[in-house]
């Protein structure tokens, strides 16, 4: 279905590209003015090393969209070429 799927790209790529270019906003709820950087400094794993893993819905959407683009490029190969701009 590789080649047959290319005809659907004009309908689905705009939405996926919009998701992939999201600029997620992060903040802390209920912390009474605490800065995100202050909270992250307090996050530590079991061995005492600092570790931060923040996931928001927007970050998850962005990640999913980028993964979808990777699959499209890998599977469609030359069929995806018309959607790549020459940026060099």
PDB file of N, CA and C in Angstrom:
ATOM      1  N   UNK A   1       0.819  -1.188   0.000  1.00  0.00           N
ATOM      2  CA  UNK A   1       0.000   0.000   0.000  1.00  0.00           C
ATOM      3  C   UNK A   1       0.870   1.263   0.000  1.00  0.00           C
ATOM      4  N   UNK A   2       2.162   1.112   0.004  1.00  0.00           N
ATOM      5  CA  UNK A   2       3.054   2.270   0.096  1.00  0.00           C
ATOM      6  C   UNK A   2       2.690   3.364  -0.905  1.00  0.00           C
ATOM      7  N   UNK A   3       2.715   3.036  -2.162  1.00  0.00           N
ATOM      8  CA  UNK A   3       2.430   4.017  -3.197  1.00  0.00           C
ATOM      9  C   UNK A   3       1.005   4.516  -3.155  1.00  0.00           C
ATOM     10  N   UNK A   4       0.078   3.652  -2.807  1.00  0.00           N
ATOM     11  CA  UNK A   4      -1.335   4.032  -2.739  1.00  0.00           C
ATOM     12  C   UNK A   4      -1.606   5.018  -1.603  1.00  0.00           C
ATOM     13  N   UNK A   5      -0.792   4.973  -0.564  1.00  0.00           N
ATOM     14  CA  UNK A   5      -1.000   5.850   0.587  1.00  0.00           C
ATOM     15  C   UNK A   5      -0.598   7.293   0.295  1.00  0.00           C
ATOM     16  N   UNK A   6       0.303   7.488  -0.639  1.00  0.00           N
ATOM     17  CA  UNK A   6       0.804   8.839  -0.959  1.00  0.00           C
ATOM     18  C   UNK A   6      -0.310   9.813  -1.313  1.00  0.00           C
ATOM     19  N   UNK A   7      -1.377   9.332  -1.903  1.00  0.00           N
ATOM     20  CA  UNK A   7      -2.459  10.233  -2.306  1.00  0.00           C
ATOM     21  C   UNK A   7      -3.180  10.846  -1.105  1.00  0.00           C
ATOM     22  N   UNK A   8      -3.014  10.263   0.093  1.00  0.00           N
ATOM     23  CA  UNK A   8      -3.649  10.803   1.295  1.00  0.00           C
ATOM     24  C   UNK A   8      -2.780  11.843   2.012  1.00  0.00           C
ATOM     25  N   UNK A   9      -1.517  11.933   1.649  1.00  0.00           N
ATOM     26  CA  UNK A   9      -0.607  12.852   2.328  1.00  0.00           C
ATOM     27  C   UNK A   9      -1.066  14.311   2.310  1.00  0.00           C
ATOM     28  N   UNK A  10      -1.584  14.833   1.199  1.00  0.00           N
ATOM     29  CA  UNK A  10      -2.014  16.243   1.220  1.00  0.00           C
ATOM     30  C   UNK A  10      -3.106  16.534   2.255  1.00  0.00           C
ATOM     31  N   UNK A  11      -3.911  15.538   2.579  1.00  0.00           N
ATOM     32  CA  UNK A  11      -4.969  15.752   3.565  1.00  0.00           C
ATOM     33  C   UNK A  11      -4.467  15.611   5.002  1.00  0.00           C
ATOM     34  N   UNK A  12      -3.478  14.737   5.248  1.00  0.00           N
ATOM     35  CA  UNK A  12      -3.075  14.483   6.632  1.00  0.00           C
ATOM     36  C   UNK A  12      -1.804  15.220   7.055  1.00  0.00           C
ATOM     37  N   UNK A  13      -0.929  15.548   6.121  1.00  0.00           N
ATOM     38  CA  UNK A  13       0.328  16.189   6.492  1.00  0.00           C
ATOM     39  C   UNK A  13       0.164  17.566   7.146  1.00  0.00           C
ATOM     40  N   UNK A  14      -0.732  18.417   6.701  1.00  0.00           N
ATOM     41  CA  UNK A  14      -0.851  19.719   7.380  1.00  0.00           C
ATOM     42  C   UNK A  14      -1.124  19.583   8.879  1.00  0.00           C
ATOM     43  N   UNK A  15      -2.004  18.675   9.247  1.00  0.00           N
ATOM     44  CA  UNK A  15      -2.311  18.488  10.665  1.00  0.00           C
ATOM     45  C   UNK A  15      -1.106  17.904  11.412  1.00  0.00           C
ATOM     46  N   UNK A  16      -0.434  16.945  10.828  1.00  0.00           N
ATOM     47  CA  UNK A  16       0.732  16.332  11.473  1.00  0.00           C
ATOM     48  C   UNK A  16       1.853  17.350  11.613  1.00  0.00           C
ATOM     49  N   UNK A  17       2.070  18.167  10.599  1.00  0.00           N
ATOM     50  CA  UNK A  17       3.118  19.192  10.690  1.00  0.00           C
ATOM     51  C   UNK A  17       2.771  20.249  11.742  1.00  0.00           C
ATOM     52  N   UNK A  18       1.496  20.576  11.879  1.00  0.00           N
ATOM     53  CA  UNK A  18       1.076  21.503  12.919  1.00  0.00           C
ATOM     54  C   UNK A  18       1.379  20.916  14.297  1.00  0.00           C
ATOM     55  N   UNK A  19       1.082  19.644  14.473  1.00  0.00           N
ATOM     56  CA  UNK A  19       1.375  18.978  15.745  1.00  0.00           C
ATOM     57  C   UNK A  19       2.880  18.916  15.997  1.00  0.00           C
ATOM     58  N   UNK A  20       3.655  18.646  14.955  1.00  0.00           N
ATOM     59  CA  UNK A  20       5.108  18.497  15.102  1.00  0.00           C
ATOM     60  C   UNK A  20       5.791  19.817  15.439  1.00  0.00           C
ATOM     61  N   UNK A  21       5.155  20.930  15.125  1.00  0.00           N
ATOM     62  CA  UNK A  21       5.780  22.230  15.380  1.00  0.00           C
ATOM     63  C   UNK A  21       5.198  22.936  16.608  1.00  0.00           C
ATOM     64  N   UNK A  22       4.447  22.193  17.418  1.00  0.00           N
ATOM     65  CA  UNK A  22       3.919  22.770  18.652  1.00  0.00           C
ATOM     66  C   UNK A  22       5.055  23.279  19.530  1.00  0.00           C
ATOM     67  N   UNK A  23       4.799  24.337  20.244  1.00  0.00           N
ATOM     68  CA  UNK A  23       5.750  24.867  21.227  1.00  0.00           C
ATOM     69  C   UNK A  23       5.066  24.760  22.594  1.00  0.00           C
ATOM     70  N   UNK A  24       5.205  23.591  23.214  1.00  0.00           N
ATOM     71  CA  UNK A  24       4.491  23.348  24.471  1.00  0.00           C
ATOM     72  C   UNK A  24       4.884  24.326  25.574  1.00  0.00           C
ATOM     73  N   UNK A  25       3.889  24.721  26.340  1.00  0.00           N
ATOM     74  CA  UNK A  25       4.128  25.564  27.506  1.00  0.00           C
ATOM     75  C   UNK A  25       4.099  24.660  28.732  1.00  0.00           C
ATOM     76  N   UNK A  26       5.067  24.868  29.625  1.00  0.00           N
ATOM     77  CA  UNK A  26       5.111  24.072  30.836  1.00  0.00           C
ATOM     78  C   UNK A  26       5.005  24.986  32.043  1.00  0.00           C
ATOM     79  N   UNK A  27       4.358  24.503  33.041  1.00  0.00           N
ATOM     80  CA  UNK A  27       4.233  25.254  34.270  1.00  0.00           C
ATOM     81  C   UNK A  27       3.910  24.315  35.406  1.00  0.00           C
ATOM     82  N   UNK A  28       3.842  24.856  36.594  1.00  0.00           N
ATOM     83  CA  UNK A  28       3.546  24.070  37.775  1.00  0.00           C
ATOM     84  C   UNK A  28       2.220  24.542  38.347  1.00  0.00           C
ATOM     85  N   UNK A  29       1.278  23.612  38.492  1.00  0.00           N
ATOM     86  CA  UNK A  29      -0.021  23.962  39.058  1.00  0.00           C
ATOM     87  C   UNK A  29       0.025  23.836  40.577  1.00  0.00           C
ATOM     88  N   UNK A  30      -0.630  24.739  41.245  1.00  0.00           N
ATOM     89  CA  UNK A  30      -0.780  24.634  42.686  1.00  0.00           C
ATOM     90  C   UNK A  30       0.498  24.852  43.469  1.00  0.00           C
ATOM     91  N   UNK A  31       1.510  25.451  42.886  1.00  0.00           N
ATOM     92  CA  UNK A  31       2.768  25.663  43.590  1.00  0.00           C
ATOM     93  C   UNK A  31       2.921  27.102  44.067  1.00  0.00           C
ATOM     94  N   UNK A  32       1.914  27.912  43.943  1.00  0.00           N
ATOM     95  CA  UNK A  32       1.933  29.272  44.460  1.00  0.00           C
ATOM     96  C   UNK A  32       3.112  30.098  43.987  1.00  0.00           C
ATOM     97  N   UNK A  33       3.329  30.164  42.701  1.00  0.00           N
ATOM     98  CA  UNK A  33       4.386  31.012  42.161  1.00  0.00           C
ATOM     99  C   UNK A  33       5.739  30.333  42.032  1.00  0.00           C
ATOM    100  N   UNK A  34       5.828  29.026  42.296  1.00  0.00           N
ATOM    101  CA  UNK A  34       7.108  28.329  42.156  1.00  0.00           C
ATOM    102  C   UNK A  34       7.512  28.290  40.690  1.00  0.00           C
ATOM    103  N   UNK A  35       8.774  28.509  40.434  1.00  0.00           N
ATOM    104  CA  UNK A  35       9.294  28.440  39.072  1.00  0.00           C
ATOM    105  C   UNK A  35       9.551  26.988  38.702  1.00  0.00           C
ATOM    106  N   UNK A  36       9.368  26.658  37.426  1.00  0.00           N
ATOM    107  CA  UNK A  36       9.606  25.309  36.940  1.00  0.00           C
ATOM    108  C   UNK A  36      11.039  24.879  37.221  1.00  0.00           C
ATOM    109  N   UNK A  37      12.003  25.761  37.017  1.00  0.00           N
ATOM    110  CA  UNK A  37      13.404  25.410  37.237  1.00  0.00           C
ATOM    111  C   UNK A  37      13.665  25.060  38.705  1.00  0.00           C
ATOM    112  N   UNK A  38      12.989  25.743  39.644  1.00  0.00           N
ATOM    113  CA  UNK A  38      13.151  25.437  41.063  1.00  0.00           C
ATOM    114  C   UNK A  38      12.637  24.039  41.391  1.00  0.00           C
ATOM    115  N   UNK A  39      11.503  23.695  40.821  1.00  0.00           N
ATOM    116  CA  UNK A  39      10.921  22.385  41.069  1.00  0.00           C
ATOM    117  C   UNK A  39      11.801  21.301  40.469  1.00  0.00           C
ATOM    118  N   UNK A  40      12.317  21.525  39.249  1.00  0.00           N
ATOM    119  CA  UNK A  40      13.163  20.522  38.611  1.00  0.00           C
ATOM    120  C   UNK A  40      14.435  20.265  39.400  1.00  0.00           C
ATOM    121  N   UNK A  41      14.958  21.256  40.072  1.00  0.00           N
ATOM    122  CA  UNK A  41      16.169  21.076  40.861  1.00  0.00           C
ATOM    123  C   UNK A  41      15.927  20.122  42.027  1.00  0.00           C
ATOM    124  N   UNK A  42      14.692  19.997  42.458  1.00  0.00           N
ATOM    125  CA  UNK A  42      14.366  19.134  43.574  1.00  0.00           C
ATOM    126  C   UNK A  42      14.088  17.697  43.159  1.00  0.00           C
ATOM    127  N   UNK A  43      13.963  17.406  41.889  1.00  0.00           N
ATOM    128  CA  UNK A  43      13.647  16.071  41.408  1.00  0.00           C
ATOM    129  C   UNK A  43      14.918  15.230  41.388  1.00  0.00           C
ATOM    130  N   UNK A  44      14.889  14.107  42.104  1.00  0.00           N
ATOM    131  CA  UNK A  44      16.047  13.216  42.162  1.00  0.00           C
ATOM    132  C   UNK A  44      15.572  11.776  42.048  1.00  0.00           C
ATOM    133  N   UNK A  45      16.442  10.898  41.490  1.00  0.00           N
ATOM    134  CA  UNK A  45      16.089   9.489  41.414  1.00  0.00           C
ATOM    135  C   UNK A  45      16.545   8.779  42.691  1.00  0.00           C
ATOM    136  N   UNK A  46      16.409   7.454  42.766  1.00  0.00           N
ATOM    137  CA  UNK A  46      16.720   6.695  43.977  1.00  0.00           C
ATOM    138  C   UNK A  46      18.180   6.809  44.401  1.00  0.00           C
ATOM    139  N   UNK A  47      19.086   6.984  43.456  1.00  0.00           N
ATOM    140  CA  UNK A  47      20.505   7.081  43.775  1.00  0.00           C
ATOM    141  C   UNK A  47      20.904   8.511  44.140  1.00  0.00           C
ATOM    142  N   UNK A  48      19.981   9.429  44.167  1.00  0.00           N
ATOM    143  CA  UNK A  48      20.273  10.802  44.534  1.00  0.00           C
ATOM    144  C   UNK A  48      20.658  11.684  43.362  1.00  0.00           C
ATOM    145  N   UNK A  49      20.795  11.126  42.182  1.00  0.00           N
ATOM    146  CA  UNK A  49      21.141  11.923  41.003  1.00  0.00           C
ATOM    147  C   UNK A  49      19.900  12.662  40.511  1.00  0.00           C
ATOM    148  N   UNK A  50      20.113  13.852  40.005  1.00  0.00           N
ATOM    149  CA  UNK A  50      18.997  14.636  39.474  1.00  0.00           C
ATOM    150  C   UNK A  50      18.459  13.984  38.216  1.00  0.00           C
ATOM    151  N   UNK A  51      17.167  13.995  38.093  1.00  0.00           N
ATOM    152  CA  UNK A  51      16.517  13.439  36.912  1.00  0.00           C
ATOM    153  C   UNK A  51      15.201  14.168  36.717  1.00  0.00           C
ATOM    154  N   UNK A  52      14.931  14.552  35.489  1.00  0.00           N
ATOM    155  CA  UNK A  52      13.676  15.234  35.195  1.00  0.00           C
ATOM    156  C   UNK A  52      13.013  14.584  33.993  1.00  0.00           C
ATOM    157  N   UNK A  53      11.761  14.288  34.119  1.00  0.00           N
ATOM    158  CA  UNK A  53      10.983  13.732  33.022  1.00  0.00           C
ATOM    159  C   UNK A  53       9.613  14.391  33.076  1.00  0.00           C
ATOM    160  N   UNK A  54       9.430  15.380  32.233  1.00  0.00           N
ATOM    161  CA  UNK A  54       8.166  16.117  32.208  1.00  0.00           C
ATOM    162  C   UNK A  54       7.462  15.798  30.904  1.00  0.00           C
ATOM    163  N   UNK A  55       6.217  15.385  31.018  1.00  0.00           N
ATOM    164  CA  UNK A  55       5.456  15.065  29.816  1.00  0.00           C
ATOM    165  C   UNK A  55       4.118  15.780  29.903  1.00  0.00           C
ATOM    166  N   UNK A  56       3.834  16.579  28.909  1.00  0.00           N
ATOM    167  CA  UNK A  56       2.530  17.231  28.834  1.00  0.00           C
ATOM    168  C   UNK A  56       1.816  16.663  27.619  1.00  0.00           C
ATOM    169  N   UNK A  57       0.533  16.937  27.519  1.00  0.00           N
ATOM    170  CA  UNK A  57      -0.216  16.472  26.355  1.00  0.00           C
ATOM    171  C   UNK A  57       0.377  17.038  25.072  1.00  0.00           C
ATOM    172  N   UNK A  58       0.800  18.306  25.120  1.00  0.00           N
ATOM    173  CA  UNK A  58       1.367  18.923  23.916  1.00  0.00           C
ATOM    174  C   UNK A  58       2.694  18.270  23.535  1.00  0.00           C
ATOM    175  N   UNK A  59       3.523  17.945  24.512  1.00  0.00           N
ATOM    176  CA  UNK A  59       4.795  17.280  24.210  1.00  0.00           C
ATOM    177  C   UNK A  59       4.518  15.905  23.625  1.00  0.00           C
ATOM    178  N   UNK A  60       3.532  15.200  24.186  1.00  0.00           N
ATOM    179  CA  UNK A  60       3.185  13.879  23.683  1.00  0.00           C
ATOM    180  C   UNK A  60       2.661  13.962  22.246  1.00  0.00           C
ATOM    181  N   UNK A  61       1.825  14.961  21.953  1.00  0.00           N
ATOM    182  CA  UNK A  61       1.328  15.157  20.586  1.00  0.00           C
ATOM    183  C   UNK A  61       2.480  15.423  19.624  1.00  0.00           C
ATOM    184  N   UNK A  62       3.391  16.290  20.033  1.00  0.00           N
ATOM    185  CA  UNK A  62       4.536  16.634  19.199  1.00  0.00           C
ATOM    186  C   UNK A  62       5.381  15.391  18.927  1.00  0.00           C
ATOM    187  N   UNK A  63       5.642  14.606  19.959  1.00  0.00           N
ATOM    188  CA  UNK A  63       6.429  13.384  19.821  1.00  0.00           C
ATOM    189  C   UNK A  63       5.756  12.396  18.867  1.00  0.00           C
ATOM    190  N   UNK A  64       4.457  12.219  19.022  1.00  0.00           N
ATOM    191  CA  UNK A  64       3.712  11.305  18.152  1.00  0.00           C
ATOM    192  C   UNK A  64       3.772  11.767  16.698  1.00  0.00           C
ATOM    193  N   UNK A  65       3.609  13.058  16.468  1.00  0.00           N
ATOM    194  CA  UNK A  65       3.647  13.588  15.098  1.00  0.00           C
ATOM    195  C   UNK A  65       5.022  13.371  14.467  1.00  0.00           C
ATOM    196  N   UNK A  66       6.082  13.598  15.227  1.00  0.00           N
ATOM    197  CA  UNK A  66       7.429  13.405  14.693  1.00  0.00           C
ATOM    198  C   UNK A  66       7.662  11.930  14.381  1.00  0.00           C
ATOM    199  N   UNK A  67       7.195  11.047  15.252  1.00  0.00           N
ATOM    200  CA  UNK A  67       7.325   9.611  14.985  1.00  0.00           C
ATOM    201  C   UNK A  67       6.557   9.216  13.724  1.00  0.00           C
ATOM    202  N   UNK A  68       5.377   9.808  13.525  1.00  0.00           N
ATOM    203  CA  UNK A  68       4.598   9.522  12.317  1.00  0.00           C
ATOM    204  C   UNK A  68       5.344   9.980  11.069  1.00  0.00           C
ATOM    205  N   UNK A  69       5.956  11.159  11.124  1.00  0.00           N
ATOM    206  CA  UNK A  69       6.723  11.660   9.979  1.00  0.00           C
ATOM    207  C   UNK A  69       7.883  10.734   9.658  1.00  0.00           C
ATOM    208  N   UNK A  70       8.546  10.233  10.677  1.00  0.00           N
ATOM    209  CA  UNK A  70       9.665   9.298  10.463  1.00  0.00           C
ATOM    210  C   UNK A  70       9.173   8.043   9.755  1.00  0.00           C
ATOM    211  N   UNK A  71       8.038   7.519  10.184  1.00  0.00           N
ATOM    212  CA  UNK A  71       7.481   6.320   9.546  1.00  0.00           C
ATOM    213  C   UNK A  71       7.097   6.613   8.097  1.00  0.00           C
ATOM    214  N   UNK A  72       6.438   7.752   7.848  1.00  0.00           N
ATOM    215  CA  UNK A  72       6.058   8.114   6.480  1.00  0.00           C
ATOM    216  C   UNK A  72       7.284   8.184   5.580  1.00  0.00           C
ATOM    217  N   UNK A  73       8.314   8.862   6.053  1.00  0.00           N
ATOM    218  CA  UNK A  73       9.533   9.019   5.244  1.00  0.00           C
ATOM    219  C   UNK A  73      10.181   7.668   4.996  1.00  0.00           C
ATOM    220  N   UNK A  74      10.266   6.847   6.036  1.00  0.00           N
ATOM    221  CA  UNK A  74      10.906   5.532   5.910  1.00  0.00           C
ATOM    222  C   UNK A  74      10.129   4.601   4.987  1.00  0.00           C
ATOM    223  N   UNK A  75       8.816   4.585   5.136  1.00  0.00           N
ATOM    224  CA  UNK A  75       7.994   3.653   4.358  1.00  0.00           C
ATOM    225  C   UNK A  75       7.706   4.131   2.934  1.00  0.00           C
ATOM    226  N   UNK A  76       7.481   5.429   2.760  1.00  0.00           N
ATOM    227  CA  UNK A  76       7.082   5.937   1.447  1.00  0.00           C
ATOM    228  C   UNK A  76       8.269   6.290   0.559  1.00  0.00           C
ATOM    229  N   UNK A  77       9.430   6.446   1.163  1.00  0.00           N
ATOM    230  CA  UNK A  77      10.673   6.751   0.449  1.00  0.00           C
ATOM    231  C   UNK A  77      10.465   7.876  -0.574  1.00  0.00           C
ATOM    232  N   UNK A  78      10.636   7.594  -1.853  1.00  0.00           N
ATOM    233  CA  UNK A  78      10.528   8.618  -2.904  1.00  0.00           C
ATOM    234  C   UNK A  78       9.119   9.220  -2.982  1.00  0.00           C
ATOM    235  N   UNK A  79       8.118   8.517  -2.503  1.00  0.00           N
ATOM    236  CA  UNK A  79       6.759   9.034  -2.502  1.00  0.00           C
ATOM    237  C   UNK A  79       6.594  10.228  -1.577  1.00  0.00           C
ATOM    238  N   UNK A  80       7.499  10.372  -0.611  1.00  0.00           N
ATOM    239  CA  UNK A  80       7.437  11.496   0.319  1.00  0.00           C
ATOM    240  C   UNK A  80       8.258  12.690  -0.184  1.00  0.00           C
ATOM    241  N   UNK A  81       9.080  12.470  -1.194  1.00  0.00           N
ATOM    242  CA  UNK A  81       9.997  13.496  -1.702  1.00  0.00           C
ATOM    243  C   UNK A  81       9.326  14.825  -2.061  1.00  0.00           C
ATOM    244  N   UNK A  82       8.153  14.849  -2.660  1.00  0.00           N
ATOM    245  CA  UNK A  82       7.530  16.137  -2.993  1.00  0.00           C
ATOM    246  C   UNK A  82       7.229  17.019  -1.783  1.00  0.00           C
ATOM    247  N   UNK A  83       7.259  16.443  -0.601  1.00  0.00           N
ATOM    248  CA  UNK A  83       6.915  17.195   0.608  1.00  0.00           C
ATOM    249  C   UNK A  83       8.149  17.673   1.377  1.00  0.00           C
ATOM    250  N   UNK A  84       9.318  17.471   0.799  1.00  0.00           N
ATOM    251  CA  UNK A  84      10.566  17.897   1.439  1.00  0.00           C
ATOM    252  C   UNK A  84      11.099  19.099   0.698  1.00  0.00           C
ATOM    253  N   UNK A  85      11.325  20.184   1.425  1.00  0.00           N
ATOM    254  CA  UNK A  85      11.891  21.399   0.838  1.00  0.00           C
ATOM    255  C   UNK A  85      13.399  21.322   0.856  1.00  0.00           C
ATOM    256  N   UNK A  86      14.023  21.893  -0.142  1.00  0.00           N
ATOM    257  CA  UNK A  86      15.468  21.979  -0.190  1.00  0.00           C
ATOM    258  C   UNK A  86      15.888  23.170   0.666  1.00  0.00           C
ATOM    259  N   UNK A  87      16.461  22.910   1.831  1.00  0.00           N
ATOM    260  CA  UNK A  87      16.838  23.974   2.746  1.00  0.00           C
ATOM    261  C   UNK A  87      18.331  24.269   2.725  1.00  0.00           C
ATOM    262  N   UNK A  88      19.056  23.597   1.900  1.00  0.00           N
ATOM    263  CA  UNK A  88      20.515  23.805   1.862  1.00  0.00           C
ATOM    264  C   UNK A  88      20.885  25.061   1.125  1.00  0.00           C
TER     265      UNK A  88
END
